[in-house]
Amino acid sequence: MGIEAYQQQNAVSNDPYVLVLKLYEGILKYLSFVKYAMENGNVEEKFTYINKCVAIFDELRNVLDFDGGDVAYYLDGLYLYQIETLFTAGVDDNINSINQVMKVVQGLIDAWKDETGL
């Protein structure tokens, strides 16, 4: 599920700053679905939403500007770590790990809003 599909599904603005914010918000939404699936023992749904989160993290990684300095490298590592955490949490049914990823993404949202004035 790339940016195009996400835009079509959610009628997201063409503003790249708004788009990144919407992608972060999409991850949070899907993570809440992951938690719900874990709590209800729905393995298929859990991995469906984990995979959607991973696809968004991958898309965010694809648009990083590595010519812009250290921030892109930091974010790339952070996104990769969240992906690894999600896969492990999915296998182990670890809601605490899902909560940790949610906390990181919420921090990214807050920082993005501060940085962009959104």
Protein backbone atom coordinates (compact mmCIF):
# COMPACT_ATOMS: atom_id res chain seq x y z
CA MET A 1 0.00 0.00 0.00
CA GLY A 2 1.93 2.99 -1.26
CA ILE A 3 1.30 6.68 -0.94
CA GLU A 4 -0.96 6.66 -4.02
CA ALA A 5 -3.29 4.07 -2.55
CA TYR A 6 -3.31 5.87 0.78
CA GLN A 7 -4.15 9.17 -0.92
CA GLN A 8 -7.00 7.63 -2.89
CA GLN A 9 -8.38 5.88 0.16
CA ASN A 10 -8.22 8.92 2.40
CA ALA A 11 -8.33 11.89 0.01
CA VAL A 12 -5.08 13.21 1.46
CA SER A 13 -3.76 16.64 0.53
CA ASN A 14 -0.99 17.03 -2.04
CA ASP A 15 1.00 18.93 0.60
CA PRO A 16 3.92 16.60 1.45
CA TYR A 17 3.99 17.83 5.06
CA VAL A 18 0.32 16.97 5.51
CA LEU A 19 0.88 13.64 3.78
CA VAL A 20 3.64 12.61 6.20
CA LEU A 21 1.40 13.56 9.11
CA LYS A 22 -1.43 11.47 7.64
CA LEU A 23 0.93 8.51 7.20
CA TYR A 24 1.96 8.72 10.86
CA GLU A 25 -1.70 8.96 11.87
CA GLY A 26 -2.46 5.94 9.68
CA ILE A 27 0.15 3.91 11.53
CA LEU A 28 -1.46 4.82 14.86
CA LYS A 29 -4.88 3.81 13.56
CA TYR A 30 -3.62 0.46 12.28
CA LEU A 31 -1.72 -0.19 15.50
CA SER A 32 -4.95 0.20 17.46
CA PHE A 33 -6.43 -2.46 15.15
CA VAL A 34 -3.39 -4.69 15.82
CA LYS A 35 -3.97 -4.41 19.56
CA TYR A 36 -7.66 -5.20 19.16
CA ALA A 37 -6.84 -8.25 17.04
CA MET A 38 -4.29 -9.44 19.62
CA GLU A 39 -6.79 -9.05 22.44
CA ASN A 40 -9.33 -11.09 20.46
CA GLY A 41 -6.94 -13.77 19.21
CA ASN A 42 -7.45 -12.86 15.54
CA VAL A 43 -4.09 -13.82 14.03
CA GLU A 44 -4.97 -13.04 10.41
CA GLU A 45 -6.26 -9.56 11.22
CA LYS A 46 -3.27 -8.87 13.47
CA PHE A 47 -0.79 -9.56 10.68
CA THR A 48 -2.90 -7.75 8.08
CA TYR A 49 -2.60 -4.54 10.11
CA ILE A 50 1.03 -5.13 11.07
CA ASN A 51 1.79 -5.45 7.36
CA LYS A 52 -0.09 -2.19 6.65
CA CYS A 53 2.03 -0.43 9.30
CA VAL A 54 5.22 -1.87 7.84
CA ALA A 55 4.18 -0.72 4.35
CA ILE A 56 3.70 2.82 5.64
CA PHE A 57 7.07 2.77 7.44
CA ASP A 58 8.65 1.52 4.18
CA GLU A 59 7.01 4.34 2.25
CA LEU A 60 8.28 6.86 4.82
CA ARG A 61 11.77 5.38 4.41
CA ASN A 62 11.51 5.70 0.62
CA VAL A 63 10.89 9.45 0.75
CA LEU A 64 13.73 10.31 3.14
CA ASP A 65 16.19 12.87 1.77
CA PHE A 66 19.63 11.54 2.71
CA ASP A 67 21.26 14.62 1.17
CA GLY A 68 19.57 16.68 3.86
CA GLY A 69 21.81 15.53 6.70
CA ASP A 70 21.75 13.34 9.76
CA VAL A 71 18.00 13.52 10.41
CA ALA A 72 17.22 11.21 7.47
CA TYR A 73 19.71 8.61 8.72
CA TYR A 74 18.26 8.84 12.23
CA LEU A 75 14.69 8.44 10.94
CA ASP A 76 15.69 5.54 8.69
CA GLY A 77 17.13 3.68 11.67
CA LEU A 78 14.13 4.58 13.81
CA TYR A 79 11.68 3.33 11.17
CA LEU A 80 13.64 0.10 10.69
CA TYR A 81 13.63 -0.51 14.43
CA GLN A 82 9.85 0.01 14.56
CA ILE A 83 9.41 -2.51 11.73
CA GLU A 84 11.52 -5.09 13.59
CA THR A 85 9.59 -4.41 16.80
CA LEU A 86 6.27 -4.91 15.00
CA PHE A 87 7.31 -8.26 13.53
CA THR A 88 8.54 -9.50 16.89
CA ALA A 89 5.43 -8.19 18.68
CA GLY A 90 3.24 -9.95 16.13
CA VAL A 91 4.92 -13.29 16.67
CA ASP A 92 4.95 -12.93 20.47
CA ASP A 93 1.54 -11.21 20.82
CA ASN A 94 3.32 -8.49 22.77
CA ILE A 95 0.90 -5.61 23.30
CA ASN A 96 3.55 -3.72 25.30
CA SER A 97 5.73 -3.59 22.18
CA ILE A 98 2.80 -2.31 20.14
CA ASN A 99 2.25 0.37 22.78
CA GLN A 100 5.93 1.31 22.53
CA VAL A 101 5.69 1.74 18.75
CA MET A 102 2.55 3.83 19.26
CA LYS A 103 4.45 6.04 21.71
CA VAL A 104 7.28 6.52 19.20
CA VAL A 105 4.84 7.38 16.40
CA GLN A 106 2.96 9.80 18.64
CA GLY A 107 6.31 11.45 19.40
CA LEU A 108 6.98 11.71 15.66
CA ILE A 109 3.56 13.30 15.14
CA ASP A 110 4.17 15.83 17.90
CA ALA A 111 7.65 16.69 16.58
CA TRP A 112 6.34 16.93 12.99
CA LYS A 113 3.55 19.28 14.04
CA ASP A 114 6.02 21.45 15.97
CA GLU A 115 8.43 21.53 13.03
CA THR A 116 5.85 22.22 10.32
CA GLY A 117 3.30 24.28 12.24
CA LEU A 118 0.49 21.90 11.26
